Amino acid sequence: MKLCIIVDDYLPDSTKIAAKMMHELAIEYKSQGHEVYVVTPDSYKKYQNLENQIEVLDGITIFRFPSGRLKNISKPIRLINECLLPFRALFHGRNIFKTWKSDLIIYYSPSIFWGYLVHKLKQKWKARSYLILRDFFPQWAIDNGILQYNNPLTKFFLFIERLNYNSADTIGLMSEGNLAWFQNYYKGKAHLEVLYNWVSDQPIVIKDFPVRKRLGIEDKIVFFYGGNIGHAQDMSQIIRLAKNLLRKKNAFFVLVGSGDEVELVRNSIQSESLTNMVLLDPVSQTEFKNTMSEFDIGLFCLNRNHKTHNFPGKILGYLVQSMPVLGSVNPGNDLKEVIESAKSGFVVESGDDQVFLNAAIQLLDSEVRDNCAMNCRKLLNQKFSVKNASKTILKIVN
């Protein structure tokens, strides 16, 4: 079977969880004997001419079409470049798509702008389509007051969102809670189902600890946060947690990533005299995993105003490394039950600083961390394997 994967960021240059997940999915399908193609924007400007846009990574054929930057850029520029994604793909891939006729199109959102491209390719190839839906934009931005519902820009985003959903035959949501919410929100005809995030990594075992040594924190218990540092996370929660833990001299926070709230974090470290926190720049996937493997507790947070049940991909990296999970979620998010029922960590309601602090203090105890760590791998194998994800998606064409 021929499969076409569409995603807005891809390895080896990307540091995003989505890029890693989709490459793992592509490799899994290749191992099953399928022919796999990837379509992704060349926002890193690797290629200077149109003749060198095809590359092969781990046996996966990748078409990179010219694009402006999509990550770590101003919002107006990002919006323009995302709007142009389907048109640039269709223009630069007009000859490639003639020979890449596929049976199934698998596309990942965010970005929400793939709908038109998927619609045109479905017509051309007579293919089925599966949307891996991982971000309810613009709804979360409306919930958080970033976008006003009656604003023309918001109406435009809602139109694009509908086009994205309407181009799918099946939409995979990341949890039962997401599915229940989306069933009330979505008015289209696509089949809806749960498709958990996945990971195929083996844990990294290191004998040296270069980041710890460089930072001078060899004797600390380190809370590690890696990934997007933005409004959707409300990083002020971690700032307050670090401030409340200043009296615990063995606790330290390492943050790695980029996003809209980087300056908030950087300024807070200075203004709040957070001697127990450091913010590091984004790094490659390999360096990111090596860095994460040095630390003790995996940290995540979500904005309280979310109405949906987000499941941050970074959690899977923590589970791979058997790192106890500490996080905060919006009220009603079923991620809390998933983590705590497996006894893999603690998840609290966003904004409840005292409970967040109490959970963090519990994880400073080595026995508590060891008990959580033993359960992380069990949870990973039960719910989040790439084999399970690949089988779920392929049911659409069986």
Protein backbone atom coordinates (compact mmCIF):
# COMPACT_ATOMS: atom_id res chain seq x y z
CA MET A 1 0.00 0.00 0.00
CA LYS A 2 1.18 3.56 -0.72
CA LEU A 3 0.90 6.04 2.14
CA CYS A 4 1.41 9.80 2.05
CA ILE A 5 2.20 11.58 5.33
CA ILE A 6 1.74 15.36 5.54
CA VAL A 7 3.18 17.32 8.47
CA ASP A 8 4.41 20.89 8.91
CA ASP A 9 7.75 19.96 10.53
CA TYR A 10 10.00 16.94 10.12
CA LEU A 11 13.31 15.41 11.06
CA PRO A 12 16.25 15.72 11.12
CA ASP A 13 16.21 19.48 11.68
CA SER A 14 13.08 19.73 13.78
CA THR A 15 13.06 19.58 17.58
CA LYS A 16 9.26 19.18 17.72
CA ILE A 17 7.54 16.11 19.13
CA ALA A 18 5.22 15.94 16.11
CA ALA A 19 8.16 15.59 13.72
CA LYS A 20 9.57 12.72 15.73
CA MET A 21 6.21 10.96 16.08
CA MET A 22 5.44 11.13 12.37
CA HIS A 23 8.89 9.83 11.43
CA GLU A 24 8.44 6.91 13.83
CA LEU A 25 5.07 6.19 12.21
CA ALA A 26 6.62 6.31 8.75
CA ILE A 27 9.37 3.89 9.76
CA GLU A 28 6.83 1.53 11.33
CA TYR A 29 4.80 1.45 8.12
CA LYS A 30 7.93 0.87 6.05
CA SER A 31 8.82 -2.07 8.31
CA GLN A 32 5.36 -3.50 7.54
CA GLY A 33 6.12 -3.41 3.81
CA HIS A 34 4.24 -0.25 2.84
CA GLU A 35 5.62 2.44 0.53
CA VAL A 36 5.76 5.70 2.47
CA TYR A 37 6.16 9.29 1.27
CA VAL A 38 6.39 12.41 3.42
CA VAL A 39 5.33 15.90 2.32
CA THR A 40 6.66 18.73 4.48
CA PRO A 41 7.67 22.40 4.08
CA ASP A 42 11.34 23.30 3.78
CA SER A 43 11.11 26.10 6.33
CA TYR A 44 14.76 25.52 7.32
CA LYS A 45 15.90 26.54 3.82
CA LYS A 46 17.98 23.43 3.26
CA TYR A 47 17.52 23.56 -0.49
CA GLN A 48 18.35 26.46 -2.76
CA ASN A 49 16.83 25.09 -5.96
CA LEU A 50 13.90 22.93 -6.98
CA GLU A 51 16.02 19.99 -8.16
CA ASN A 52 17.16 18.99 -4.68
CA GLN A 53 13.89 18.79 -2.83
CA ILE A 54 13.75 15.00 -2.52
CA GLU A 55 15.74 13.31 0.20
CA VAL A 56 15.73 9.96 1.96
CA LEU A 57 15.96 9.58 5.74
CA ASP A 58 16.03 6.09 7.29
CA GLY A 59 14.54 4.74 4.07
CA ILE A 60 11.67 7.26 4.01
CA THR A 61 11.31 9.43 0.89
CA ILE A 62 10.68 13.07 1.78
CA PHE A 63 9.48 15.89 -0.47
CA ARG A 64 10.35 19.29 1.01
CA PHE A 65 8.68 22.22 -0.74
CA PRO A 66 9.89 25.83 -0.35
CA SER A 67 8.28 27.69 2.53
CA GLY A 68 8.78 30.64 4.81
CA ARG A 69 9.54 30.01 8.45
CA LEU A 70 6.75 28.52 10.57
CA LYS A 71 8.38 28.29 14.00
CA ASN A 72 9.89 30.94 16.27
CA ILE A 73 8.76 33.82 14.07
CA SER A 74 6.35 36.71 14.52
CA LYS A 75 2.66 35.80 14.43
CA PRO A 76 1.81 37.80 11.25
CA ILE A 77 4.67 36.21 9.30
CA ARG A 78 3.78 32.76 10.58
CA LEU A 79 0.13 33.27 9.60
CA ILE A 80 1.07 34.26 6.06
CA ASN A 81 3.42 31.31 5.67
CA GLU A 82 0.91 28.83 7.08
CA CYS A 83 -1.84 30.16 4.81
CA LEU A 84 0.44 29.54 1.83
CA LEU A 85 1.35 25.97 2.80
CA PRO A 86 -1.20 24.11 0.62
CA PHE A 87 -0.65 26.35 -2.39
CA ARG A 88 3.13 26.11 -2.24
CA ALA A 89 2.90 22.34 -1.85
CA LEU A 90 0.58 21.98 -4.83
CA PHE A 91 2.67 24.29 -7.03
CA HIS A 92 6.10 22.86 -6.28
CA GLY A 93 4.80 19.31 -6.08
CA ARG A 94 2.69 19.39 -9.24
CA ASN A 95 4.96 16.90 -11.02
CA ILE A 96 5.81 14.84 -7.95
CA PHE A 97 2.15 14.31 -7.07
CA LYS A 98 1.54 12.83 -10.52
CA THR A 99 3.79 9.87 -9.61
CA TRP A 100 3.09 9.70 -5.85
CA LYS A 101 -0.44 8.38 -6.14
CA SER A 102 -1.28 7.06 -2.67
CA ASP A 103 -4.03 4.95 -1.14
CA LEU A 104 -4.11 6.83 2.15
CA ILE A 105 -3.22 10.39 3.17
CA ILE A 106 -2.25 10.79 6.84
CA TYR A 107 -2.03 14.40 7.93
CA TYR A 108 -1.19 16.03 11.24
CA SER A 109 -2.76 19.09 12.81
CA PRO A 110 -1.40 21.56 13.80
CA SER A 111 -1.12 23.10 11.26
CA ILE A 112 -4.83 23.64 10.54
CA PHE A 113 -4.07 24.75 6.98
CA TRP A 114 -3.65 21.35 5.30
CA GLY A 115 -7.33 20.95 4.42
CA TYR A 116 -7.18 22.34 0.89
CA LEU A 117 -4.08 20.31 -0.03
CA VAL A 118 -5.64 17.11 1.30
CA HIS A 119 -8.89 17.85 -0.53
CA LYS A 120 -7.08 18.29 -3.87
CA LEU A 121 -4.89 15.20 -3.41
CA LYS A 122 -7.90 13.08 -2.49
CA GLN A 123 -9.55 14.12 -5.73
CA LYS A 124 -6.40 13.43 -7.75
CA TRP A 125 -5.56 10.07 -6.15
CA LYS A 126 -9.05 8.83 -5.16
CA ALA A 127 -7.52 8.26 -1.72
CA ARG A 128 -8.83 8.06 1.82
CA SER A 129 -7.63 10.50 4.48
CA TYR A 130 -6.87 10.30 8.20
CA LEU A 131 -6.42 13.45 10.30
CA ILE A 132 -4.30 13.13 13.44
CA LEU A 133 -5.80 16.01 15.42
CA ARG A 134 -3.62 17.28 18.22
CA ASP A 135 -4.53 20.94 18.61
CA PHE A 136 -7.96 22.57 18.73
CA PHE A 137 -6.91 25.90 17.31
CA PRO A 138 -8.55 28.41 17.15
CA GLN A 139 -10.82 27.16 19.94
CA TRP A 140 -8.16 27.14 22.66
CA ALA A 141 -7.13 30.69 21.68
CA ILE A 142 -10.77 31.79 21.96
CA ASP A 143 -11.05 30.07 25.35
CA ASN A 144 -7.96 31.91 26.59
CA GLY A 145 -9.10 35.32 25.33
CA ILE A 146 -6.31 35.56 22.75
CA LEU A 147 -8.88 35.66 19.93
CA GLN A 148 -12.31 37.29 20.10
CA TYR A 149 -15.07 35.13 18.62
CA ASN A 150 -16.60 37.85 16.42
CA ASN A 151 -13.26 39.09 15.12
CA PRO A 152 -12.89 38.66 11.31
CA LEU A 153 -9.55 36.92 11.79
CA THR A 154 -11.19 34.43 14.15
CA LYS A 155 -13.93 33.78 11.59
CA PHE A 156 -11.24 33.13 9.01
CA PHE A 157 -9.52 30.63 11.31
CA LEU A 158 -12.83 28.88 11.97
CA PHE A 159 -13.43 28.57 8.22
CA ILE A 160 -9.97 27.05 7.72
CA GLU A 161 -10.58 24.73 10.67
CA ARG A 162 -13.80 23.42 9.11
CA LEU A 163 -12.03 22.86 5.79
CA ASN A 164 -9.33 20.92 7.59
CA TYR A 165 -11.86 18.68 9.34
CA ASN A 166 -14.08 18.25 6.29
CA SER A 167 -11.12 16.93 4.27
CA ALA A 168 -10.81 13.94 6.61
CA ASP A 169 -12.59 10.59 6.38
CA THR A 170 -11.48 9.73 9.92
CA ILE A 171 -10.23 12.01 12.70
CA GLY A 172 -8.09 10.57 15.49
CA LEU A 173 -8.26 12.34 18.87
CA MET A 174 -5.62 11.89 21.55
CA SER A 175 -7.82 10.78 24.48
CA GLU A 176 -11.31 9.73 25.50
CA GLY A 177 -11.90 13.19 26.96
CA ASN A 178 -10.89 14.82 23.68
CA LEU A 179 -13.21 12.50 21.80
CA ALA A 180 -16.18 13.32 24.03
CA TRP A 181 -15.55 17.06 23.73
CA PHE A 182 -15.06 16.92 19.97
CA GLN A 183 -18.22 14.90 19.40
CA ASN A 184 -20.17 17.86 20.77
CA TYR A 185 -18.10 20.45 18.88
CA TYR A 186 -17.77 18.82 15.46
CA LYS A 187 -20.71 18.83 13.02
CA GLY A 188 -19.12 17.05 10.06
CA LYS A 189 -19.31 13.54 8.64
CA ALA A 190 -15.86 12.10 9.45
CA HIS A 191 -15.61 9.05 11.68
CA LEU A 192 -14.19 9.98 15.10
CA GLU A 193 -12.02 7.74 17.26
CA VAL A 194 -9.28 7.78 19.89
CA LEU A 195 -5.73 7.63 18.57
CA TYR A 196 -3.25 7.92 21.41
CA ASN A 197 0.12 9.53 20.87
CA TRP A 198 2.94 7.05 20.37
CA VAL A 199 6.66 6.56 20.76
CA SER A 200 9.11 3.84 19.72
CA ASP A 201 12.23 4.99 21.57
CA GLN A 202 14.36 2.96 23.89
CA PRO A 203 15.56 4.71 27.02
CA ILE A 204 18.94 6.39 26.86
CA VAL A 205 21.42 5.20 29.46
CA ILE A 206 24.31 7.57 30.05
CA LYS A 207 27.39 7.19 32.21
CA ASP A 208 28.38 10.83 32.11
CA PHE A 209 26.27 13.88 32.93
CA PRO A 210 27.63 16.78 30.85
CA VAL A 211 24.68 19.15 31.29
CA ARG A 212 24.52 18.60 35.03
CA LYS A 213 28.25 19.22 35.28
CA ARG A 214 28.10 22.32 33.08
CA LEU A 215 25.32 23.78 35.20
CA GLY A 216 26.90 22.70 38.48
CA ILE A 217 23.84 20.73 39.62
CA GLU A 218 25.29 17.24 40.05
CA ASP A 219 23.72 16.92 43.52
CA LYS A 220 20.28 18.33 42.64
CA ILE A 221 16.94 16.64 42.00
CA VAL A 222 16.02 18.17 38.66
CA PHE A 223 12.54 18.94 37.31
CA PHE A 224 12.88 18.98 33.51
CA TYR A 225 10.56 20.79 31.09
CA GLY A 226 11.11 20.41 27.35
CA GLY A 227 9.07 21.77 24.46
CA ASN A 228 6.84 24.71 23.65
CA ILE A 229 6.99 27.61 26.09
CA GLY A 230 3.83 29.49 25.20
CA HIS A 231 0.39 30.80 26.14
CA ALA A 232 -1.19 27.37 25.82
CA GLN A 233 1.05 26.17 28.65
CA ASP A 234 0.83 29.20 30.99
CA MET A 235 4.43 28.96 32.12
CA SER A 236 3.73 31.23 35.09
CA GLN A 237 2.68 28.03 36.89
CA ILE A 238 6.20 26.66 36.71
CA ILE A 239 7.62 30.03 37.70
CA ARG A 240 5.49 30.04 40.83
CA LEU A 241 6.37 26.42 41.60
CA ALA A 242 10.08 27.17 41.35
CA LYS A 243 9.66 30.22 43.59
CA ASN A 244 7.80 28.14 46.18
CA LEU A 245 10.56 25.52 46.10
CA LEU A 246 13.44 27.93 46.66
CA ARG A 247 13.59 26.76 50.28
CA LYS A 248 14.21 23.20 49.10
CA LYS A 249 17.90 23.47 48.31
CA ASN A 250 18.03 20.11 46.52
CA ALA A 251 15.37 21.07 43.92
CA PHE A 252 16.30 22.56 40.54
CA PHE A 253 14.46 23.32 37.28
CA VAL A 254 15.86 22.95 33.76
CA LEU A 255 13.70 24.27 30.91
CA VAL A 256 14.51 23.69 27.24
CA GLY A 257 12.44 25.15 24.42
CA SER A 258 11.05 28.18 22.65
CA GLY A 259 7.74 29.99 22.26
CA ASP A 260 5.66 33.03 23.11
CA GLU A 261 6.49 33.00 26.83
CA VAL A 262 10.25 32.62 26.64
CA GLU A 263 10.74 36.24 27.64
CA LEU A 264 8.30 35.82 30.52
CA VAL A 265 10.39 32.94 31.83
CA ARG A 266 13.70 34.68 31.23
CA ASN A 267 12.54 37.89 32.90
CA SER A 268 10.99 36.02 35.82
CA ILE A 269 14.24 34.19 36.53
CA GLN A 270 15.84 37.59 36.98
CA SER A 271 13.03 39.48 38.73
CA GLU A 272 12.13 36.65 41.11
CA SER A 273 15.78 35.70 41.77
CA LEU A 274 15.09 32.11 40.78
CA THR A 275 18.50 30.66 41.49
CA ASN A 276 16.96 27.21 41.14
CA MET A 277 16.00 27.56 37.46
CA VAL A 278 17.76 27.79 34.12
CA LEU A 279 16.32 28.25 30.61
CA LEU A 280 18.25 26.62 27.76
CA ASP A 281 17.88 27.18 24.02
CA PRO A 282 16.23 24.56 21.78
CA VAL A 283 18.51 21.74 20.65
CA SER A 284 18.38 18.88 18.14
CA GLN A 285 16.26 15.82 18.86
CA THR A 286 19.31 13.74 19.72
CA GLU A 287 20.74 16.34 22.07
CA PHE A 288 17.31 16.91 23.58
CA LYS A 289 16.90 13.24 24.46
CA ASN A 290 20.42 13.05 25.84
CA THR A 291 19.77 16.13 27.97
CA MET A 292 16.45 14.82 29.25
CA SER A 293 18.02 11.49 30.22
CA GLU A 294 20.20 13.24 32.79
CA PHE A 295 17.31 14.45 34.92
CA ASP A 296 14.82 13.12 37.44
CA ILE A 297 11.25 14.37 36.95
CA GLY A 298 9.34 15.23 33.77
CA LEU A 299 7.38 18.45 34.01
CA PHE A 300 4.47 19.80 31.94
CA CYS A 301 1.69 22.36 32.32
CA LEU A 302 -1.48 23.44 30.50
CA ASN A 303 -3.41 26.68 30.64
CA ARG A 304 -6.39 26.48 32.98
CA ASN A 305 -8.70 28.08 30.39
CA HIS A 306 -8.48 25.20 27.94
CA LYS A 307 -11.81 23.54 27.31
CA THR A 308 -10.26 20.58 25.51
CA HIS A 309 -8.25 17.62 26.79
CA ASN A 310 -4.74 18.17 25.51
CA PHE A 311 -2.12 15.44 25.91
CA PRO A 312 1.35 17.01 25.53
CA GLY A 313 3.65 14.81 23.46
CA LYS A 314 6.55 15.53 25.78
CA ILE A 315 5.00 13.19 28.34
CA LEU A 316 5.86 10.19 26.17
CA GLY A 317 9.53 11.14 26.29
CA TYR A 318 9.33 11.21 30.06
CA LEU A 319 7.69 7.78 30.15
CA VAL A 320 10.38 6.33 27.87
CA GLN A 321 13.03 7.46 30.34
CA SER A 322 10.94 6.20 33.27
CA MET A 323 10.82 9.74 34.64
CA PRO A 324 8.00 10.37 37.13
CA VAL A 325 5.57 12.89 35.65
CA LEU A 326 4.51 16.10 37.37
CA GLY A 327 1.98 18.26 35.59
CA SER A 328 -0.94 20.64 35.74
CA VAL A 329 -4.02 20.44 33.53
CA ASN A 330 -7.22 22.32 32.87
CA PRO A 331 -10.25 21.21 34.94
CA GLY A 332 -11.76 17.93 33.77
CA ASN A 333 -8.79 16.90 31.62
CA ASP A 334 -8.67 13.09 31.62
CA LEU A 335 -4.89 13.11 31.42
CA LYS A 336 -4.93 13.37 35.21
CA GLU A 337 -6.67 10.01 35.49
CA VAL A 338 -4.37 8.38 32.89
CA ILE A 339 -1.18 9.33 34.75
CA GLU A 340 -2.39 8.90 38.30
CA SER A 341 -4.30 5.65 37.78
CA ALA A 342 -1.07 4.18 36.39
CA LYS A 343 0.78 5.60 39.42
CA SER A 344 3.33 7.18 37.08
CA GLY A 345 3.28 10.60 38.71
CA PHE A 346 1.07 13.44 39.89
CA VAL A 347 -1.24 15.71 37.89
CA VAL A 348 -3.02 18.66 39.49
CA GLU A 349 -5.54 21.23 38.39
CA SER A 350 -3.92 24.30 36.84
CA GLY A 351 -3.76 27.23 39.22
CA ASP A 352 -3.82 25.16 42.40
CA ASP A 353 -0.33 26.18 43.46
CA GLN A 354 -0.43 24.55 46.87
CA VAL A 355 -1.36 21.11 45.55
CA PHE A 356 1.22 21.51 42.77
CA LEU A 357 3.84 22.31 45.41
CA ASN A 358 2.82 19.39 47.62
CA ALA A 359 3.12 16.97 44.67
CA ALA A 360 6.55 18.34 43.78
CA ILE A 361 7.72 17.91 47.37
CA GLN A 362 6.53 14.29 47.33
CA LEU A 363 8.67 13.65 44.25
CA LEU A 364 11.75 14.93 46.04
CA ASP A 365 11.57 11.63 47.94
CA SER A 366 13.63 8.99 46.14
CA GLU A 367 11.31 6.14 47.13
CA VAL A 368 8.30 7.93 45.64
CA ARG A 369 10.23 8.59 42.43
CA ASP A 370 11.36 4.98 42.18
CA ASN A 371 7.80 3.68 42.56
CA CYS A 372 6.53 6.04 39.85
CA ALA A 373 9.43 5.15 37.54
CA MET A 374 8.59 1.44 37.66
CA ASN A 375 5.08 2.18 36.38
CA CYS A 376 6.08 4.49 33.53
CA ARG A 377 7.13 1.72 31.14
CA LYS A 378 3.96 -0.27 31.85
CA LEU A 379 1.81 2.72 30.91
CA LEU A 380 3.87 3.34 27.77
CA ASN A 381 3.45 -0.21 26.49
CA GLN A 382 -0.25 -0.40 27.33
CA LYS A 383 -1.40 2.78 25.60
CA PHE A 384 1.31 4.53 23.58
CA SER A 385 3.10 2.12 21.21
CA VAL A 386 3.65 3.02 17.57
CA LYS A 387 2.41 -0.42 16.51
CA ASN A 388 -0.97 0.23 18.10
CA ALA A 389 -1.18 3.63 16.40
CA SER A 390 -0.29 2.22 12.97
CA LYS A 391 -2.97 -0.46 13.23
CA THR A 392 -5.62 2.02 14.32
CA ILE A 393 -4.94 4.32 11.37
CA LEU A 394 -4.88 1.55 8.76
CA LYS A 395 -8.33 0.34 9.77
CA ILE A 396 -9.66 3.12 7.53
CA VAL A 397 -8.61 1.23 4.39
CA ASN A 398 -9.16 -2.35 5.57
